Amino acid sequence: MMELYLIAQRWKLIMMIIDLSVGKRKRNAFLNYLRLIPGKDQRLAAIEYGRRRVASSPKVNVNSINAAINKRLTTLTTSVRIATALCHRIYQQDLSFLIVNFGLRNRLCKAKVIMEYIGATGKPVTFSHVPVNPNIDFHFILSFAIDAGHSGAARHGVFSPYWASTLTPAAVRAVKARHPNVKVLASLSGWSLGNKVLRWHDPADPSLWIATAAASLKSLAAEYHLDGVDADYESFERNATDFAFCIGELIAGLKAEGAIAVATVAPFDDTAGRYAELLWRYGGVIDYVNYQFYTDGVSTPRAYAEVFELRAAQFGAPAKLLPSYEVDGRGIQGEAFFEAMRVIQSRGYEVNGVMIYSADASSSHGYYYERKSQEFLLNGTRRIKLEKPVLERPKEANPRDELVRPIEVDQGMQLGEVE
């Protein structure tokens, strides 16, 4: 369902740009031509037709295109906006390149991502201290939204926020205004609520649970200005069989309605099988896999890369699988983590992002791992020299001093924004 939604949004954008540049008459001819070409050859036909029919058209006002996109397509994901900004830059040479590259946006124009869990420990953590590079698609994951009461009693799809009280709707709105490349997600469930372990129980009526959860999460998304959800159920009753169906249909429905733009999942070693079923059945609506590699008990770069290969095959989604790091926690630690990512790249895999758990723990390190992870993603396999900050930052220090300096690009090429 979600794949069709994204295709529809992509073609809606392309058709709008063609309308602005060459008019509806040629747009209709373009569509009529596509109807003659069956199946997977449509994209190649679109490229050929775009070159022959559109490349010779007069230049259009790029600013008018940007304004129209911002006004009419505000639900597009950041990756599409980044692709738009990049392709607009190139478009000044040839409109057909814009059409071609929207068909290839995931390969050519997609930003690297950071997934940062925040607010799970109850510490008064804030967004403002976390360094955000403007060239990274940065996701804060609020931890957690739970469909249970304070006693742990199930509420059957009615979710409430249990993250740190400092992470208010106003704080979410402020960080997104300050950093246009930031998204905020709510993670569902987590391991426990206090001393009560949270377990997935198959609902008596799965359709009712899906409808209730959808209504609850839409309300929460509106209140907290959320862009998506992260499924992090970590314990299951022995005979549960409806998890993949319920979560998959919930995500698909929320995306189809435009209530969310991003969906991730967070399996670990004990739950990998259940999430593998979810990914194989509903992978089209799941954007990233925040696998908790620190639960696999590996501490060397080579062993980490071997587990990455194993999980990539298990989930069938190597491009969506993100290396993960637990600050002051389990698994690989320190500089060995970055060496592990270089080993992963050397084996032919693309490291598209990093998941970090969590901002709560990282605050005592001056967010060193957030800064270095972003530098790594933007510089590939090149070794990064980044000094660790002093562990105890003076109280009078300006939080803005921690921000990562953006990579210099041509004026007008800040890819996280479309003016």
Protein backbone atom coordinates (compact mmCIF):
# COMPACT_ATOMS: atom_id res chain seq x y z
CA MET A 1 0.00 0.00 0.00
CA MET A 2 2.74 2.46 1.01
CA GLU A 3 4.81 1.77 -2.13
CA LEU A 4 1.82 2.80 -4.24
CA TYR A 5 1.37 5.90 -2.08
CA LEU A 6 5.01 6.97 -2.61
CA ILE A 7 4.80 6.29 -6.34
CA ALA A 8 1.64 8.40 -6.53
CA GLN A 9 3.29 11.26 -4.65
CA ARG A 10 6.38 11.08 -6.85
CA TRP A 11 4.41 11.17 -10.08
CA LYS A 12 2.16 13.91 -8.72
CA LEU A 13 5.28 16.01 -8.23
CA ILE A 14 6.66 15.24 -11.68
CA MET A 15 3.36 15.99 -13.39
CA MET A 16 3.09 19.29 -11.53
CA ILE A 17 6.57 20.32 -12.67
CA ILE A 18 5.79 19.37 -16.26
CA ASP A 19 2.59 21.43 -16.04
CA LEU A 20 4.58 24.44 -14.89
CA SER A 21 7.20 24.06 -17.59
CA VAL A 22 5.48 22.77 -20.73
CA GLY A 23 1.75 22.88 -20.01
CA LYS A 24 -0.98 20.28 -19.59
CA ARG A 25 -1.17 19.50 -23.29
CA LYS A 26 2.27 17.94 -23.36
CA ARG A 27 1.66 16.42 -19.93
CA ASN A 28 -1.37 14.57 -21.31
CA ALA A 29 0.66 13.41 -24.29
CA PHE A 30 3.26 12.13 -21.83
CA LEU A 31 0.65 10.11 -19.94
CA ASN A 32 -0.89 8.73 -23.12
CA TYR A 33 2.54 7.58 -24.21
CA LEU A 34 3.09 5.78 -20.90
CA ARG A 35 -0.19 3.88 -21.22
CA LEU A 36 1.19 2.18 -24.31
CA ILE A 37 4.16 0.74 -22.41
CA PRO A 38 3.45 -2.18 -20.04
CA GLY A 39 4.98 -2.97 -16.67
CA LYS A 40 8.52 -2.25 -15.62
CA ASP A 41 9.48 -0.67 -18.96
CA GLN A 42 7.38 2.39 -18.12
CA ARG A 43 10.24 4.13 -16.33
CA LEU A 44 12.61 3.72 -19.26
CA ALA A 45 9.89 4.93 -21.59
CA ALA A 46 9.32 7.94 -19.34
CA ILE A 47 13.02 8.79 -19.45
CA GLU A 48 13.18 8.52 -23.24
CA TYR A 49 10.01 10.53 -23.72
CA GLY A 50 11.15 13.12 -21.19
CA ARG A 51 14.38 13.61 -23.11
CA ARG A 52 12.68 13.96 -26.46
CA ARG A 53 9.69 16.06 -25.43
CA VAL A 54 10.79 18.11 -22.45
CA ALA A 55 14.50 18.81 -22.74
CA SER A 56 13.94 21.31 -25.54
CA SER A 57 11.39 23.30 -23.52
CA PRO A 58 12.19 26.81 -22.31
CA LYS A 59 13.55 27.21 -18.81
CA VAL A 60 11.01 27.85 -16.07
CA ASN A 61 11.22 29.84 -12.89
CA VAL A 62 12.76 27.48 -10.34
CA ASN A 63 11.47 29.60 -7.45
CA SER A 64 7.90 29.13 -8.64
CA ILE A 65 8.42 25.37 -8.63
CA ASN A 66 9.81 25.47 -5.10
CA ALA A 67 6.87 27.58 -3.91
CA ALA A 68 4.36 25.25 -5.53
CA ILE A 69 5.98 22.18 -3.99
CA ASN A 70 6.01 23.69 -0.52
CA LYS A 71 2.37 24.74 -0.86
CA ARG A 72 0.91 21.62 -2.44
CA LEU A 73 3.13 18.73 -1.36
CA THR A 74 3.87 19.39 2.29
CA THR A 75 3.39 15.71 3.20
CA LEU A 76 6.37 14.53 1.18
CA THR A 77 9.15 12.91 3.17
CA THR A 78 12.42 14.71 3.75
CA SER A 79 14.21 12.36 1.34
CA VAL A 80 11.94 13.57 -1.46
CA ARG A 81 12.50 17.19 -0.48
CA ILE A 82 16.24 16.59 -0.54
CA ALA A 83 15.94 14.99 -3.96
CA THR A 84 13.89 17.97 -5.09
CA ALA A 85 16.52 20.46 -3.92
CA LEU A 86 19.33 18.54 -5.59
CA CYS A 87 17.47 17.99 -8.83
CA HIS A 88 16.37 21.62 -9.00
CA ARG A 89 20.02 22.56 -8.85
CA ILE A 90 20.83 20.25 -11.74
CA TYR A 91 17.57 21.13 -13.52
CA GLN A 92 18.98 24.48 -14.51
CA GLN A 93 20.89 22.49 -17.12
CA ASP A 94 18.19 20.05 -18.25
CA LEU A 95 14.64 19.34 -17.01
CA SER A 96 14.80 15.74 -18.25
CA PHE A 97 17.46 15.03 -15.63
CA LEU A 98 14.93 15.96 -12.97
CA ILE A 99 12.47 13.41 -14.32
CA VAL A 100 15.11 10.72 -14.61
CA ASN A 101 16.42 11.21 -11.10
CA PHE A 102 13.07 11.13 -9.38
CA GLY A 103 12.92 7.57 -10.68
CA LEU A 104 16.31 6.96 -9.08
CA ARG A 105 16.00 9.18 -6.01
CA ASN A 106 16.68 6.41 -3.49
CA ARG A 107 20.04 5.70 -5.14
CA LEU A 108 21.21 9.19 -6.02
CA CYS A 109 19.58 11.75 -3.76
CA LYS A 110 18.76 10.16 -0.41
CA ALA A 111 20.29 11.65 2.73
CA LYS A 112 22.08 9.66 5.39
CA VAL A 113 20.11 9.26 8.61
CA ILE A 114 20.61 9.33 12.35
CA MET A 115 18.11 7.62 14.65
CA GLU A 116 18.50 8.92 18.21
CA TYR A 117 16.40 7.48 21.04
CA ILE A 118 15.68 10.08 23.68
CA GLY A 119 13.74 10.39 26.92
CA ALA A 120 13.60 6.77 28.13
CA THR A 121 15.45 7.15 31.43
CA GLY A 122 13.47 10.02 32.92
CA LYS A 123 16.53 12.30 32.94
CA PRO A 124 15.65 15.91 32.07
CA VAL A 125 17.23 15.60 28.62
CA THR A 126 16.49 18.20 25.94
CA PHE A 127 16.69 18.38 22.16
CA SER A 128 18.64 21.63 22.15
CA HIS A 129 21.96 20.17 23.30
CA VAL A 130 22.08 17.38 20.70
CA PRO A 131 24.26 18.35 17.70
CA VAL A 132 22.39 18.18 14.39
CA ASN A 133 24.25 18.45 11.09
CA PRO A 134 22.06 20.15 8.43
CA ASN A 135 23.10 17.57 5.83
CA ILE A 136 21.83 14.61 7.87
CA ASP A 137 18.24 13.38 7.98
CA PHE A 138 18.09 13.44 11.79
CA HIS A 139 15.37 11.52 13.65
CA PHE A 140 14.67 11.88 17.36
CA ILE A 141 12.76 8.86 18.67
CA LEU A 142 10.72 9.67 21.77
CA SER A 143 10.88 6.77 24.21
CA PHE A 144 8.21 5.55 24.75
CA ALA A 145 4.51 5.65 23.81
CA ILE A 146 2.82 2.76 25.62
CA ASP A 147 -0.66 1.31 25.38
CA ALA A 148 -0.75 0.53 29.08
CA GLY A 149 -1.56 2.38 32.28
CA HIS A 150 0.98 3.26 34.97
CA SER A 151 0.32 -0.10 36.63
CA GLY A 152 1.17 -1.89 33.42
CA ALA A 153 -2.43 -2.90 32.71
CA ALA A 154 -3.10 -3.12 28.97
CA ARG A 155 -5.15 -0.35 27.35
CA HIS A 156 -5.71 -2.23 24.09
CA GLY A 157 -4.31 0.24 21.58
CA VAL A 158 -4.71 3.49 23.52
CA PHE A 159 -1.18 4.97 23.67
CA SER A 160 0.12 7.50 26.18
CA PRO A 161 3.49 9.28 26.24
CA TYR A 162 5.95 8.09 28.91
CA TRP A 163 9.07 9.92 27.73
CA ALA A 164 10.87 12.62 29.74
CA SER A 165 8.60 15.49 30.71
CA THR A 166 11.10 17.98 29.23
CA LEU A 167 10.27 16.71 25.72
CA THR A 168 7.07 18.71 25.35
CA PRO A 169 5.07 19.50 22.21
CA ALA A 170 6.54 23.01 22.34
CA ALA A 171 10.07 21.56 22.50
CA VAL A 172 9.36 19.34 19.49
CA ARG A 173 8.00 22.29 17.55
CA ALA A 174 11.04 24.38 18.47
CA VAL A 175 13.67 21.83 17.44
CA LYS A 176 11.93 21.24 14.11
CA ALA A 177 11.78 24.98 13.48
CA ARG A 178 15.48 25.33 14.34
CA HIS A 179 16.50 22.30 12.22
CA PRO A 180 14.31 21.70 9.13
CA ASN A 181 16.06 18.35 8.61
CA VAL A 182 14.80 16.99 11.95
CA LYS A 183 11.99 14.48 12.27
CA VAL A 184 10.46 13.25 15.52
CA LEU A 185 9.03 9.76 16.00
CA ALA A 186 7.34 7.99 18.89
CA SER A 187 8.67 4.56 19.80
CA LEU A 188 5.94 2.09 20.72
CA SER A 189 6.22 0.00 23.89
CA GLY A 190 9.87 -0.61 24.79
CA TRP A 191 10.95 -3.21 27.33
CA SER A 192 9.20 -2.17 30.54
CA LEU A 193 7.18 0.37 32.43
CA GLY A 194 8.91 0.72 35.76
CA ASN A 195 9.40 -2.86 36.96
CA LYS A 196 6.58 -4.18 34.78
CA VAL A 197 7.79 -5.99 31.64
CA LEU A 198 5.59 -5.07 28.70
CA ARG A 199 4.45 -7.97 26.55
CA TRP A 200 2.63 -8.12 23.26
CA HIS A 201 -0.64 -10.01 23.62
CA ASP A 202 -2.68 -10.85 20.55
CA PRO A 203 -5.84 -8.70 20.72
CA ALA A 204 -9.17 -10.48 20.85
CA ASP A 205 -10.24 -8.42 17.83
CA PRO A 206 -7.18 -7.42 15.74
CA SER A 207 -9.18 -5.06 13.53
CA LEU A 208 -10.51 -3.21 16.57
CA TRP A 209 -7.00 -2.92 18.04
CA ILE A 210 -5.66 -1.51 14.76
CA ALA A 211 -8.46 1.05 14.54
CA THR A 212 -8.06 2.08 18.20
CA ALA A 213 -4.27 2.33 17.91
CA ALA A 214 -4.54 4.35 14.69
CA ALA A 215 -6.91 6.86 16.29
CA SER A 216 -4.74 7.11 19.40
CA LEU A 217 -1.50 7.61 17.46
CA LYS A 218 -3.03 10.17 15.12
CA SER A 219 -4.06 12.18 18.16
CA LEU A 220 -0.58 11.83 19.68
CA ALA A 221 1.06 12.78 16.38
CA ALA A 222 -1.06 15.91 16.14
CA GLU A 223 -0.30 16.91 19.73
CA TYR A 224 3.47 16.30 19.54
CA HIS A 225 4.03 17.22 15.88
CA LEU A 226 5.27 13.70 15.13
CA ASP A 227 6.52 12.51 11.75
CA GLY A 228 6.36 8.80 12.41
CA VAL A 229 6.45 5.79 14.71
CA ASP A 230 8.98 3.15 15.72
CA ALA A 231 7.77 -0.33 16.68
CA ASP A 232 9.81 -1.56 19.66
CA TYR A 233 7.80 -4.37 21.22
CA GLU A 234 10.44 -6.50 22.95
CA SER A 235 8.55 -9.25 24.74
CA PHE A 236 5.77 -11.52 23.47
CA GLU A 237 3.37 -14.01 24.93
CA ARG A 238 4.38 -17.48 23.80
CA ASN A 239 1.57 -18.16 21.35
CA ALA A 240 1.24 -14.68 19.84
CA THR A 241 0.73 -14.79 16.06
CA ASP A 242 -0.91 -11.46 15.13
CA PHE A 243 1.96 -9.05 15.78
CA ALA A 244 3.11 -8.71 12.16
CA PHE A 245 -0.45 -8.26 10.90
CA CYS A 246 -1.46 -5.70 13.54
CA ILE A 247 1.68 -3.55 13.35
CA GLY A 248 1.97 -3.85 9.57
CA GLU A 249 -1.64 -2.84 8.96
CA LEU A 250 -1.37 -0.06 11.55
CA ILE A 251 1.68 1.47 9.84
CA ALA A 252 0.26 1.00 6.36
CA GLY A 253 -2.99 2.69 7.34
CA LEU A 254 -1.29 5.64 9.06
CA LYS A 255 0.92 6.22 6.04
CA ALA A 256 -1.92 5.90 3.56
CA GLU A 257 -3.86 8.57 5.49
CA GLY A 258 -0.82 10.86 5.63
CA ALA A 259 -0.79 10.73 9.44
CA ILE A 260 2.89 9.70 9.45
CA ALA A 261 5.70 9.84 6.90
CA VAL A 262 8.29 7.55 8.54
CA ALA A 263 8.10 4.12 10.14
CA THR A 264 10.93 2.14 11.72
CA VAL A 265 11.23 -1.07 13.73
CA ALA A 266 13.67 -1.99 16.50
CA PRO A 267 14.23 -5.75 16.78
CA PHE A 268 16.96 -7.41 18.84
CA ASP A 269 18.34 -10.93 18.99
CA ASP A 270 15.36 -12.52 20.81
CA THR A 271 12.72 -10.81 18.64
CA ALA A 272 14.45 -10.92 15.25
CA GLY A 273 12.20 -13.70 13.93
CA ARG A 274 8.98 -11.82 14.64
CA TYR A 275 10.28 -8.63 13.04
CA ALA A 276 11.62 -10.59 10.07
CA GLU A 277 8.05 -11.76 9.43
CA LEU A 278 6.84 -8.15 9.71
CA LEU A 279 9.49 -6.96 7.25
CA TRP A 280 8.89 -9.71 4.74
CA ARG A 281 5.13 -9.02 4.78
CA TYR A 282 5.11 -5.22 5.17
CA GLY A 283 8.59 -4.12 4.20
CA GLY A 284 7.20 -1.64 1.70
CA VAL A 285 5.87 0.60 4.48
CA ILE A 286 8.88 0.32 6.81
CA ASP A 287 11.68 2.78 6.15
CA TYR A 288 14.49 1.67 8.46
CA VAL A 289 15.46 -1.20 10.74
CA ASN A 290 16.97 0.01 14.04
CA TYR A 291 18.34 -3.40 14.92
CA GLN A 292 19.88 -3.50 18.41
CA PHE A 293 23.25 -4.99 17.45
CA TYR A 294 24.51 -4.43 20.99
CA THR A 295 22.31 -7.35 22.11
CA ASP A 296 24.27 -9.83 19.96
CA GLY A 297 27.25 -9.75 22.29
CA VAL A 298 29.93 -8.86 19.71
CA SER A 299 32.81 -6.57 20.64
CA THR A 300 35.13 -6.57 17.61
CA PRO A 301 34.68 -4.86 14.22
CA ARG A 302 34.92 -8.11 12.27
CA ALA A 303 32.36 -9.91 14.43
CA TYR A 304 30.04 -6.91 14.22
CA ALA A 305 30.24 -6.92 10.41
CA GLU A 306 29.47 -10.64 10.33
CA VAL A 307 26.35 -10.12 12.43
CA PHE A 308 25.35 -7.24 10.14
CA GLU A 309 25.54 -9.58 7.14
CA LEU A 310 23.47 -12.19 9.01
CA ARG A 311 20.73 -9.73 9.94
CA ALA A 312 20.71 -8.13 6.48
CA ALA A 313 19.94 -11.54 5.00
CA GLN A 314 17.39 -12.37 7.71
CA PHE A 315 15.42 -9.16 7.24
CA GLY A 316 15.86 -9.01 3.47
CA ALA A 317 16.53 -5.27 3.67
CA PRO A 318 20.27 -4.47 3.79
CA ALA A 319 19.73 -0.88 2.60
CA LYS A 320 17.30 -0.24 5.49
CA LEU A 321 19.41 -1.89 8.18
CA LEU A 322 21.28 0.63 10.34
CA PRO A 323 24.34 -0.11 12.48
CA SER A 324 23.55 0.70 16.11
CA TYR A 325 25.46 1.79 19.17
CA GLU A 326 24.52 1.79 22.85
CA VAL A 327 26.33 4.55 24.72
CA ASP A 328 27.98 3.23 27.91
CA GLY A 329 26.18 -0.03 27.31
CA ARG A 330 26.45 -3.46 25.77
CA GLY A 331 28.26 -4.69 22.70
CA ILE A 332 30.97 -2.93 20.76
CA GLN A 333 32.23 0.29 22.32
CA GLY A 334 34.31 3.32 21.43
CA GLU A 335 36.27 3.69 18.22
CA ALA A 336 35.78 0.01 17.37
CA PHE A 337 32.22 0.87 16.33
CA PHE A 338 33.40 3.20 13.57
CA GLU A 339 35.96 0.63 12.43
CA ALA A 340 33.11 -1.91 12.28
CA MET A 341 31.21 0.37 9.89
CA ARG A 342 34.30 0.62 7.68
CA VAL A 343 34.46 -3.19 7.60
CA ILE A 344 30.78 -3.34 6.66
CA GLN A 345 31.42 -0.94 3.78
CA SER A 346 34.45 -2.93 2.64
CA ARG A 347 32.17 -5.97 2.25
CA GLY A 348 29.99 -4.14 -0.26
CA TYR A 349 27.23 -2.86 2.00
CA GLU A 350 26.13 0.75 2.11
CA VAL A 351 25.93 2.33 5.55
CA ASN A 352 22.90 4.57 5.16
CA GLY A 353 22.64 5.68 8.75
CA VAL A 354 23.34 5.03 12.42
CA MET A 355 21.03 4.29 15.34
CA ILE A 356 22.17 5.54 18.77
CA TYR A 357 20.74 4.59 22.14
CA SER A 358 20.52 7.06 23.66
CA ALA A 359 20.76 10.83 23.99
CA ASP A 360 20.11 10.41 27.71
CA ALA A 361 23.42 8.56 28.21
CA SER A 362 25.33 10.49 25.56
CA SER A 363 24.82 13.82 27.27
CA SER A 364 27.61 13.01 29.74
CA HIS A 365 30.00 12.56 26.78
CA GLY A 366 29.18 15.86 25.13
CA TYR A 367 27.33 13.90 22.40
CA TYR A 368 30.63 12.70 20.97
CA TYR A 369 29.09 9.66 19.25
CA GLU A 370 26.36 11.72 17.60
CA ARG A 371 28.90 14.16 16.22
CA LYS A 372 31.32 11.52 15.01
CA SER A 373 28.56 9.32 13.52
CA GLN A 374 27.32 12.24 11.45
CA GLU A 375 30.85 13.06 10.30
CA PHE A 376 31.38 9.40 9.37
CA LEU A 377 28.19 9.25 7.32
CA LEU A 378 29.09 12.39 5.41
CA ASN A 379 32.69 11.38 4.76
CA GLY A 380 32.37 7.67 4.00
CA THR A 381 35.31 5.43 4.82
CA ARG A 382 37.76 8.29 5.37
CA ARG A 383 39.03 8.22 8.94
CA ILE A 384 37.70 11.10 11.02
CA LYS A 385 39.77 12.84 13.66
CA LEU A 386 37.41 14.21 16.25
CA GLU A 387 38.52 15.08 19.73
CA LYS A 388 36.37 13.91 22.60
CA PRO A 389 34.96 16.82 24.57
CA VAL A 390 35.61 17.25 28.26
CA LEU A 391 33.14 15.00 30.07
CA GLU A 392 31.91 17.69 32.44
CA ARG A 393 30.93 20.70 30.42
CA PRO A 394 30.97 24.01 32.35
CA LYS A 395 27.49 25.23 33.18
CA GLU A 396 28.02 28.51 31.38
CA ALA A 397 28.96 26.81 28.09
CA ASN A 398 26.77 27.69 25.14
CA PRO A 399 24.95 24.57 23.84
CA ARG A 400 25.36 25.89 20.31
CA ASP A 401 29.11 25.26 20.66
CA GLU A 402 28.36 21.55 20.34
CA LEU A 403 26.70 21.82 16.98
CA VAL A 404 28.47 20.11 14.09
CA ARG A 405 29.81 22.54 11.55
CA PRO A 406 28.02 22.01 8.23
CA ILE A 407 29.95 20.91 5.17
CA GLU A 408 30.47 23.80 2.82
CA VAL A 409 28.44 23.55 -0.37
CA ASP A 410 27.50 25.90 -3.16
CA GLN A 411 25.06 28.61 -2.23
CA GLY A 412 21.53 27.32 -2.58
CA MET A 413 22.57 23.69 -2.09
CA GLN A 414 21.55 23.12 1.56
CA LEU A 415 19.91 19.81 0.73
CA GLY A 416 17.79 19.62 3.84
CA GLU A 417 15.70 22.58 2.75
CA VAL A 418 13.63 23.71 -0.20
CA GLU A 419 12.95 27.38 -0.12
